[in-house]
N, C-alpha and C. Protein backbone atom coordinates (compact mmCIF):
# COMPACT_ATOMS: atom_id res chain seq x y z
N UNK A 1 18.41 4.00 7.78
CA UNK A 1 17.23 4.76 7.36
C UNK A 1 17.60 5.50 6.09
N UNK A 2 17.15 5.00 4.94
CA UNK A 2 17.50 5.63 3.68
C UNK A 2 16.38 6.56 3.23
N UNK A 3 16.69 7.83 3.15
CA UNK A 3 15.74 8.82 2.65
C UNK A 3 16.54 10.02 2.19
N UNK A 4 15.99 10.78 1.24
CA UNK A 4 16.67 12.00 0.84
C UNK A 4 16.86 12.91 2.05
N UNK A 5 17.96 13.65 2.06
CA UNK A 5 18.24 14.54 3.19
C UNK A 5 17.14 15.56 3.43
N UNK A 6 16.41 15.90 2.37
CA UNK A 6 15.38 16.93 2.49
C UNK A 6 14.06 16.40 3.06
N UNK A 7 13.96 15.10 3.30
CA UNK A 7 12.71 14.53 3.79
C UNK A 7 12.53 14.81 5.28
N UNK A 8 11.61 15.69 5.58
CA UNK A 8 11.23 15.98 6.96
C UNK A 8 9.73 15.81 7.04
N UNK A 9 9.26 14.61 7.39
CA UNK A 9 7.81 14.40 7.42
C UNK A 9 7.13 15.26 8.47
N UNK A 10 5.93 15.64 8.14
CA UNK A 10 5.06 16.40 9.05
C UNK A 10 3.95 15.46 9.51
N UNK A 11 3.42 15.66 10.71
CA UNK A 11 2.30 14.83 11.14
C UNK A 11 1.18 14.82 10.09
N UNK A 12 0.66 13.62 9.83
CA UNK A 12 -0.38 13.45 8.83
C UNK A 12 0.14 13.06 7.46
N UNK A 13 1.45 13.19 7.22
CA UNK A 13 2.03 12.81 5.93
C UNK A 13 1.97 11.30 5.74
N UNK A 14 1.83 10.89 4.47
CA UNK A 14 1.93 9.48 4.12
C UNK A 14 3.39 9.17 3.82
N UNK A 15 3.86 8.05 4.31
CA UNK A 15 5.22 7.59 4.09
C UNK A 15 5.16 6.37 3.19
N UNK A 16 5.83 6.46 2.04
CA UNK A 16 5.91 5.35 1.09
C UNK A 16 7.27 4.67 1.28
N UNK A 17 7.24 3.38 1.56
CA UNK A 17 8.45 2.60 1.81
C UNK A 17 8.62 1.59 0.68
N UNK A 18 9.74 1.66 -0.01
CA UNK A 18 10.02 0.74 -1.13
C UNK A 18 10.49 -0.60 -0.57
N UNK A 19 9.71 -1.63 -0.82
CA UNK A 19 10.03 -2.95 -0.31
C UNK A 19 10.51 -3.89 -1.42
N UNK A 20 10.89 -3.34 -2.57
CA UNK A 20 11.37 -4.19 -3.65
C UNK A 20 10.22 -4.94 -4.31
N UNK A 21 9.60 -4.35 -5.29
CA UNK A 21 8.48 -4.98 -5.98
C UNK A 21 7.12 -4.44 -5.55
N UNK A 22 7.06 -3.84 -4.41
CA UNK A 22 5.82 -3.20 -3.97
C UNK A 22 6.16 -2.12 -2.96
N UNK A 23 5.18 -1.30 -2.63
CA UNK A 23 5.36 -0.22 -1.66
C UNK A 23 4.55 -0.52 -0.41
N UNK A 24 5.16 -0.25 0.72
CA UNK A 24 4.45 -0.33 2.00
C UNK A 24 4.15 1.10 2.43
N UNK A 25 3.00 1.32 3.08
CA UNK A 25 2.55 2.67 3.42
C UNK A 25 2.33 2.82 4.92
N UNK A 26 2.64 4.00 5.42
CA UNK A 26 2.45 4.33 6.83
C UNK A 26 2.02 5.79 6.93
N UNK A 27 1.51 6.17 8.08
CA UNK A 27 1.12 7.55 8.35
C UNK A 27 2.05 8.08 9.44
N UNK A 28 2.69 9.21 9.15
CA UNK A 28 3.58 9.84 10.13
C UNK A 28 2.71 10.57 11.16
N UNK A 29 2.96 10.28 12.45
CA UNK A 29 2.14 10.89 13.50
C UNK A 29 2.93 11.84 14.40
N UNK A 30 4.19 12.06 14.07
CA UNK A 30 5.00 13.02 14.82
C UNK A 30 6.00 12.35 15.75
N UNK A 31 6.98 13.13 16.18
CA UNK A 31 8.01 12.68 17.12
C UNK A 31 8.75 11.43 16.65
N UNK A 32 8.86 11.26 15.32
CA UNK A 32 9.60 10.13 14.78
C UNK A 32 8.80 8.84 14.67
N UNK A 33 7.48 8.89 14.89
CA UNK A 33 6.64 7.69 14.88
C UNK A 33 5.72 7.64 13.66
N UNK A 34 5.42 6.40 13.24
CA UNK A 34 4.42 6.14 12.20
C UNK A 34 3.42 5.13 12.73
N UNK A 35 2.25 5.12 12.11
CA UNK A 35 1.24 4.09 12.35
C UNK A 35 1.02 3.42 11.01
N UNK A 36 1.03 2.08 11.01
CA UNK A 36 0.84 1.35 9.76
C UNK A 36 0.18 0.00 10.00
N UNK A 37 -0.36 -0.54 8.92
CA UNK A 37 -1.05 -1.83 8.94
C UNK A 37 -0.05 -2.90 8.55
N UNK A 38 0.13 -3.89 9.41
CA UNK A 38 1.10 -4.95 9.14
C UNK A 38 0.42 -6.31 9.18
N UNK A 39 0.93 -7.21 8.37
CA UNK A 39 0.43 -8.58 8.40
C UNK A 39 0.77 -9.18 9.75
N UNK A 40 -0.19 -9.86 10.35
CA UNK A 40 0.02 -10.42 11.68
C UNK A 40 1.19 -11.40 11.69
N UNK A 41 1.43 -12.08 10.56
CA UNK A 41 2.50 -13.08 10.51
C UNK A 41 3.83 -12.47 10.13
N UNK A 42 3.86 -11.19 9.72
CA UNK A 42 5.11 -10.57 9.27
C UNK A 42 5.09 -9.10 9.63
N UNK A 43 5.94 -8.67 10.53
CA UNK A 43 5.91 -7.28 10.99
C UNK A 43 6.20 -6.26 9.90
N UNK A 44 6.82 -6.67 8.80
CA UNK A 44 7.11 -5.74 7.71
C UNK A 44 5.99 -5.70 6.68
N UNK A 45 4.95 -6.49 6.86
CA UNK A 45 3.85 -6.50 5.91
C UNK A 45 4.23 -7.13 4.60
N UNK A 46 5.15 -8.12 4.63
CA UNK A 46 5.67 -8.68 3.39
C UNK A 46 4.76 -9.70 2.74
N UNK A 47 3.79 -10.22 3.45
CA UNK A 47 2.94 -11.23 2.85
C UNK A 47 1.52 -11.08 3.35
N UNK A 48 0.61 -11.62 2.59
CA UNK A 48 -0.79 -11.60 3.00
C UNK A 48 -0.97 -12.57 4.16
N UNK A 49 -1.52 -12.13 5.25
CA UNK A 49 -1.69 -13.04 6.38
C UNK A 49 -2.67 -14.15 6.05
N UNK A 50 -2.40 -15.37 6.52
CA UNK A 50 -3.28 -16.49 6.20
C UNK A 50 -4.68 -16.32 6.79
N UNK A 51 -4.80 -15.61 7.91
CA UNK A 51 -6.11 -15.45 8.54
C UNK A 51 -6.86 -14.21 8.04
N UNK A 52 -6.29 -13.52 7.06
CA UNK A 52 -6.90 -12.33 6.47
C UNK A 52 -7.13 -11.22 7.50
N UNK A 53 -6.27 -11.17 8.49
CA UNK A 53 -6.30 -10.12 9.50
C UNK A 53 -4.93 -9.44 9.52
N UNK A 54 -4.94 -8.18 9.89
CA UNK A 54 -3.68 -7.44 10.01
C UNK A 54 -3.72 -6.63 11.29
N UNK A 55 -2.55 -6.26 11.76
CA UNK A 55 -2.41 -5.55 13.02
C UNK A 55 -1.96 -4.11 12.76
N UNK A 56 -2.58 -3.16 13.43
CA UNK A 56 -2.17 -1.76 13.34
C UNK A 56 -1.06 -1.55 14.37
N UNK A 57 0.09 -1.07 13.89
CA UNK A 57 1.24 -0.86 14.77
C UNK A 57 1.67 0.60 14.75
N UNK A 58 2.10 1.07 15.92
CA UNK A 58 2.75 2.38 16.03
C UNK A 58 4.19 2.09 16.41
N UNK A 59 5.11 2.59 15.60
CA UNK A 59 6.52 2.37 15.90
C UNK A 59 7.37 3.48 15.30
N UNK A 60 8.61 3.52 15.71
CA UNK A 60 9.54 4.51 15.17
C UNK A 60 9.63 4.35 13.66
N UNK A 61 9.66 5.47 12.95
CA UNK A 61 9.80 5.45 11.50
C UNK A 61 11.00 4.59 11.11
N UNK A 62 12.10 4.77 11.79
CA UNK A 62 13.31 4.04 11.40
C UNK A 62 13.13 2.54 11.60
N UNK A 63 12.35 2.11 12.59
CA UNK A 63 12.08 0.69 12.78
C UNK A 63 11.15 0.14 11.70
N UNK A 64 10.16 0.92 11.32
CA UNK A 64 9.22 0.50 10.28
C UNK A 64 9.91 0.40 8.92
N UNK A 65 10.85 1.30 8.67
CA UNK A 65 11.54 1.36 7.38
C UNK A 65 12.67 0.34 7.30
N UNK A 66 13.38 0.15 8.39
CA UNK A 66 14.54 -0.73 8.36
C UNK A 66 15.60 -0.16 7.44
N UNK A 67 16.08 -0.96 6.51
CA UNK A 67 17.11 -0.51 5.57
C UNK A 67 16.52 -0.10 4.23
N UNK A 68 15.20 -0.11 4.11
CA UNK A 68 14.55 0.24 2.84
C UNK A 68 14.53 1.74 2.62
N UNK A 69 14.36 2.13 1.36
CA UNK A 69 14.23 3.55 1.03
C UNK A 69 12.80 3.99 1.29
N UNK A 70 12.64 5.26 1.63
CA UNK A 70 11.31 5.80 1.90
C UNK A 70 11.26 7.25 1.48
N UNK A 71 10.01 7.73 1.36
CA UNK A 71 9.80 9.15 1.05
C UNK A 71 8.42 9.56 1.52
N UNK A 72 8.26 10.86 1.71
CA UNK A 72 6.93 11.42 1.95
C UNK A 72 6.22 11.40 0.60
N UNK A 73 5.02 10.83 0.56
CA UNK A 73 4.26 10.79 -0.69
C UNK A 73 2.77 10.90 -0.38
N UNK A 74 2.30 12.13 -0.35
CA UNK A 74 0.87 12.38 -0.13
C UNK A 74 0.17 12.23 -1.48
N UNK A 75 0.07 10.99 -1.88
CA UNK A 75 -0.24 10.55 -3.24
C UNK A 75 -1.55 11.08 -3.81
N UNK A 76 -2.53 11.33 -2.98
CA UNK A 76 -3.85 11.75 -3.48
C UNK A 76 -4.19 13.20 -3.16
N UNK A 77 -3.20 14.01 -2.80
CA UNK A 77 -3.47 15.42 -2.46
C UNK A 77 -4.08 16.21 -3.61
N UNK A 78 -3.79 15.82 -4.85
CA UNK A 78 -4.37 16.54 -6.00
C UNK A 78 -5.81 16.11 -6.25
N UNK A 79 -6.18 14.95 -5.73
CA UNK A 79 -7.52 14.42 -5.94
C UNK A 79 -8.46 14.75 -4.77
N UNK A 80 -7.93 14.67 -3.55
CA UNK A 80 -8.74 14.90 -2.35
C UNK A 80 -8.06 15.90 -1.42
N UNK A 81 -8.86 16.59 -0.67
CA UNK A 81 -8.32 17.48 0.37
C UNK A 81 -8.01 16.63 1.60
N UNK A 82 -6.80 16.74 2.12
CA UNK A 82 -6.47 15.99 3.33
C UNK A 82 -7.34 16.43 4.50
N UNK A 83 -7.64 15.50 5.37
CA UNK A 83 -8.39 15.82 6.58
C UNK A 83 -7.49 16.64 7.51
N UNK A 84 -8.05 17.29 8.51
CA UNK A 84 -7.22 18.05 9.46
C UNK A 84 -6.18 17.15 10.12
N UNK A 85 -4.99 17.68 10.28
CA UNK A 85 -3.87 16.91 10.83
C UNK A 85 -4.22 16.30 12.19
N UNK A 86 -4.87 17.06 13.06
CA UNK A 86 -5.19 16.52 14.38
C UNK A 86 -6.12 15.32 14.29
N UNK A 87 -7.02 15.32 13.30
CA UNK A 87 -7.94 14.19 13.10
C UNK A 87 -7.17 12.97 12.59
N UNK A 88 -6.29 13.19 11.62
CA UNK A 88 -5.49 12.09 11.06
C UNK A 88 -4.68 11.43 12.18
N UNK A 89 -3.96 12.23 12.93
CA UNK A 89 -3.07 11.71 13.98
C UNK A 89 -3.88 11.03 15.09
N UNK A 90 -4.96 11.67 15.53
CA UNK A 90 -5.78 11.09 16.60
C UNK A 90 -6.36 9.73 16.18
N UNK A 91 -6.92 9.67 14.95
CA UNK A 91 -7.52 8.42 14.49
C UNK A 91 -6.46 7.34 14.26
N UNK A 92 -5.31 7.73 13.73
CA UNK A 92 -4.23 6.76 13.51
C UNK A 92 -3.79 6.16 14.84
N UNK A 93 -3.54 7.01 15.82
CA UNK A 93 -3.07 6.53 17.12
C UNK A 93 -4.14 5.72 17.85
N UNK A 94 -5.40 6.06 17.65
CA UNK A 94 -6.50 5.33 18.29
C UNK A 94 -6.61 3.91 17.75
N UNK A 95 -6.11 3.67 16.55
CA UNK A 95 -6.21 2.33 15.95
C UNK A 95 -5.05 1.42 16.35
N UNK A 96 -4.06 1.97 17.03
CA UNK A 96 -2.91 1.16 17.44
C UNK A 96 -3.38 -0.07 18.21
N UNK A 97 -2.85 -1.22 17.81
CA UNK A 97 -3.18 -2.48 18.47
C UNK A 97 -4.42 -3.17 17.94
N UNK A 98 -5.18 -2.50 17.09
CA UNK A 98 -6.39 -3.11 16.54
C UNK A 98 -6.03 -4.16 15.49
N UNK A 99 -6.82 -5.20 15.46
CA UNK A 99 -6.71 -6.20 14.41
C UNK A 99 -7.83 -5.91 13.42
N UNK A 100 -7.46 -5.72 12.16
CA UNK A 100 -8.42 -5.33 11.13
C UNK A 100 -8.47 -6.35 10.01
N UNK A 101 -9.59 -6.41 9.28
CA UNK A 101 -9.65 -7.28 8.11
C UNK A 101 -8.57 -6.86 7.11
N UNK A 102 -8.00 -7.83 6.41
CA UNK A 102 -6.95 -7.55 5.44
C UNK A 102 -7.29 -8.22 4.12
N UNK A 103 -7.09 -7.49 3.03
CA UNK A 103 -7.24 -8.03 1.69
C UNK A 103 -6.28 -7.31 0.78
N UNK A 104 -5.47 -8.03 0.06
CA UNK A 104 -4.44 -7.41 -0.77
C UNK A 104 -5.05 -6.42 -1.77
N UNK A 105 -6.24 -6.71 -2.27
CA UNK A 105 -6.85 -5.84 -3.27
C UNK A 105 -7.86 -4.85 -2.69
N UNK A 106 -8.29 -5.07 -1.46
CA UNK A 106 -9.36 -4.22 -0.93
C UNK A 106 -9.06 -3.54 0.40
N UNK A 107 -8.19 -4.10 1.21
CA UNK A 107 -7.90 -3.54 2.54
C UNK A 107 -6.43 -3.74 2.88
N UNK A 108 -5.54 -3.14 2.09
CA UNK A 108 -4.11 -3.28 2.35
C UNK A 108 -3.57 -2.05 3.08
N UNK A 109 -2.25 -1.99 3.25
CA UNK A 109 -1.65 -0.88 4.02
C UNK A 109 -1.85 0.47 3.34
N UNK A 110 -1.92 0.49 2.00
CA UNK A 110 -2.15 1.76 1.30
C UNK A 110 -3.59 2.23 1.51
N UNK A 111 -4.55 1.30 1.45
CA UNK A 111 -5.94 1.65 1.75
C UNK A 111 -6.04 2.24 3.16
N UNK A 112 -5.37 1.60 4.11
CA UNK A 112 -5.40 2.05 5.51
C UNK A 112 -4.86 3.47 5.63
N UNK A 113 -3.70 3.72 5.02
CA UNK A 113 -3.06 5.03 5.13
C UNK A 113 -3.87 6.12 4.43
N UNK A 114 -4.38 5.84 3.23
CA UNK A 114 -5.14 6.87 2.50
C UNK A 114 -6.48 7.14 3.17
N UNK A 115 -7.06 6.13 3.79
CA UNK A 115 -8.32 6.37 4.51
C UNK A 115 -8.08 7.31 5.69
N UNK A 116 -6.97 7.14 6.38
CA UNK A 116 -6.67 8.04 7.49
C UNK A 116 -6.45 9.47 7.00
N UNK A 117 -5.68 9.65 5.93
CA UNK A 117 -5.35 11.00 5.47
C UNK A 117 -6.51 11.69 4.76
N UNK A 118 -7.24 10.94 3.93
CA UNK A 118 -8.26 11.57 3.07
C UNK A 118 -9.70 11.20 3.43
N UNK A 119 -9.87 10.18 4.26
CA UNK A 119 -11.22 9.69 4.51
C UNK A 119 -11.71 8.79 3.39
N UNK A 120 -10.81 8.42 2.48
CA UNK A 120 -11.12 7.56 1.33
C UNK A 120 -10.05 6.47 1.26
N UNK A 121 -10.48 5.23 1.26
CA UNK A 121 -9.53 4.11 1.18
C UNK A 121 -9.28 3.77 -0.28
N UNK A 122 -8.11 4.13 -0.77
CA UNK A 122 -7.74 3.85 -2.16
C UNK A 122 -6.33 3.30 -2.23
N UNK A 123 -6.10 2.48 -3.25
CA UNK A 123 -4.75 1.96 -3.48
C UNK A 123 -4.44 2.05 -4.96
N UNK A 124 -3.56 2.96 -5.31
CA UNK A 124 -3.14 3.07 -6.70
C UNK A 124 -2.27 1.89 -7.08
N UNK A 125 -1.57 1.35 -6.11
CA UNK A 125 -0.73 0.19 -6.34
C UNK A 125 -1.57 -0.99 -6.85
N UNK A 126 -2.73 -1.21 -6.24
CA UNK A 126 -3.62 -2.29 -6.67
C UNK A 126 -4.16 -1.99 -8.06
N UNK A 127 -4.58 -0.76 -8.31
CA UNK A 127 -5.08 -0.39 -9.63
C UNK A 127 -4.04 -0.59 -10.71
N UNK A 128 -2.79 -0.21 -10.42
CA UNK A 128 -1.72 -0.39 -11.39
C UNK A 128 -1.47 -1.86 -11.66
N UNK A 129 -1.52 -2.70 -10.62
CA UNK A 129 -1.31 -4.13 -10.78
C UNK A 129 -2.41 -4.74 -11.63
N UNK A 130 -3.67 -4.36 -11.36
CA UNK A 130 -4.79 -4.90 -12.14
C UNK A 130 -4.68 -4.48 -13.60
N UNK A 131 -4.28 -3.25 -13.87
CA UNK A 131 -4.13 -2.78 -15.24
C UNK A 131 -3.04 -3.55 -15.96
N UNK A 132 -1.90 -3.73 -15.32
CA UNK A 132 -0.80 -4.47 -15.93
C UNK A 132 -1.21 -5.90 -16.20
N UNK A 133 -1.90 -6.53 -15.25
CA UNK A 133 -2.36 -7.90 -15.44
C UNK A 133 -3.32 -8.00 -16.62
N UNK A 134 -4.29 -7.10 -16.71
CA UNK A 134 -5.26 -7.11 -17.79
C UNK A 134 -4.58 -6.91 -19.14
N UNK A 135 -3.73 -5.90 -19.25
CA UNK A 135 -3.04 -5.62 -20.51
C UNK A 135 -2.15 -6.79 -20.90
N UNK A 136 -1.44 -7.35 -19.93
CA UNK A 136 -0.57 -8.50 -20.20
C UNK A 136 -1.37 -9.69 -20.71
N UNK A 137 -2.52 -9.93 -20.11
CA UNK A 137 -3.38 -11.03 -20.54
C UNK A 137 -3.86 -10.82 -21.97
N UNK A 138 -4.30 -9.62 -22.28
CA UNK A 138 -4.78 -9.33 -23.64
C UNK A 138 -3.66 -9.43 -24.66
N UNK A 139 -2.47 -8.98 -24.30
CA UNK A 139 -1.32 -9.08 -25.20
C UNK A 139 -0.99 -10.54 -25.47
N UNK A 140 -1.04 -11.38 -24.45
CA UNK A 140 -0.79 -12.81 -24.63
C UNK A 140 -1.82 -13.41 -25.58
N UNK A 141 -3.08 -12.99 -25.45
CA UNK A 141 -4.13 -13.49 -26.35
C UNK A 141 -3.86 -13.09 -27.79
N UNK A 142 -3.42 -11.86 -28.01
CA UNK A 142 -3.09 -11.42 -29.37
C UNK A 142 -1.94 -12.23 -29.95
N UNK A 143 -0.93 -12.49 -29.16
CA UNK A 143 0.20 -13.28 -29.64
C UNK A 143 -0.26 -14.67 -30.03
N UNK A 144 -1.07 -15.28 -29.18
CA UNK A 144 -1.59 -16.61 -29.48
C UNK A 144 -2.48 -16.56 -30.71
N UNK A 145 -3.30 -15.54 -30.83
CA UNK A 145 -4.22 -15.40 -31.96
C UNK A 145 -3.47 -15.41 -33.29
N UNK A 146 -2.32 -14.75 -33.32
CA UNK A 146 -1.56 -14.66 -34.56
C UNK A 146 -0.48 -15.73 -34.67
N UNK A 147 -0.44 -16.63 -33.72
CA UNK A 147 0.53 -17.73 -33.81
C UNK A 147 -0.09 -18.88 -34.58
N UNK A 148 0.70 -19.88 -34.82
CA UNK A 148 0.21 -21.04 -35.56
C UNK A 148 -0.61 -21.97 -34.69
N UNK A 149 -0.48 -21.90 -33.41
CA UNK A 149 -1.16 -22.81 -32.50
C UNK A 149 -2.47 -22.20 -32.02
N UNK A 150 -3.49 -22.26 -32.87
CA UNK A 150 -4.78 -21.63 -32.56
C UNK A 150 -5.53 -22.32 -31.42
N UNK A 151 -5.21 -23.57 -31.13
CA UNK A 151 -5.93 -24.27 -30.06
C UNK A 151 -5.67 -23.66 -28.69
N UNK A 152 -4.61 -22.89 -28.56
CA UNK A 152 -4.30 -22.26 -27.29
C UNK A 152 -5.23 -21.09 -26.98
N UNK A 153 -5.91 -20.55 -28.00
CA UNK A 153 -6.78 -19.38 -27.80
C UNK A 153 -7.85 -19.67 -26.76
N UNK A 154 -8.58 -20.78 -26.92
CA UNK A 154 -9.64 -21.10 -25.96
C UNK A 154 -9.08 -21.31 -24.56
N UNK A 155 -7.93 -21.93 -24.49
CA UNK A 155 -7.33 -22.24 -23.20
C UNK A 155 -7.00 -20.99 -22.41
N UNK A 156 -6.44 -19.97 -23.06
CA UNK A 156 -5.94 -18.80 -22.34
C UNK A 156 -6.82 -17.55 -22.42
N UNK A 157 -7.62 -17.44 -23.44
CA UNK A 157 -8.32 -16.16 -23.65
C UNK A 157 -9.79 -16.17 -23.30
N UNK A 158 -10.38 -17.32 -23.13
CA UNK A 158 -11.82 -17.34 -22.91
C UNK A 158 -12.17 -18.07 -21.62
N UNK A 159 -11.41 -17.80 -20.60
CA UNK A 159 -11.68 -18.42 -19.29
C UNK A 159 -12.41 -17.45 -18.41
């Protein structure tokens, strides 16, 4: 269980788990347990499930994290007021075992966790990915535009 020594999550806190290339999110519900949305085909949530469904699991923080690094990250506290802790914990625990719709861009583990804490399903991870993809695409178009091979412009920039 890799975490800074000062990390003592409180019930209702969001737990950000670094999975190498992306972050997995869970809600701490107390007594060493978290509730999180996992891909039905992969307990660590490493891939998008083929059936577009995910399972809500309650498990020990250390089991959910494995050997990955983690931290408390109440990512939207400056934007939204967190819901009462008892509501967050009660709703998180009530969802244990439920199978929910899953979409990498619209209903992922971060959406699940932020909806429980704030009542708003948001994913900054998805927004950051979309921004990087858009900027990267536009940069590629500019490079092609100023290159000698102008025929590539239609192929890559106007689809």
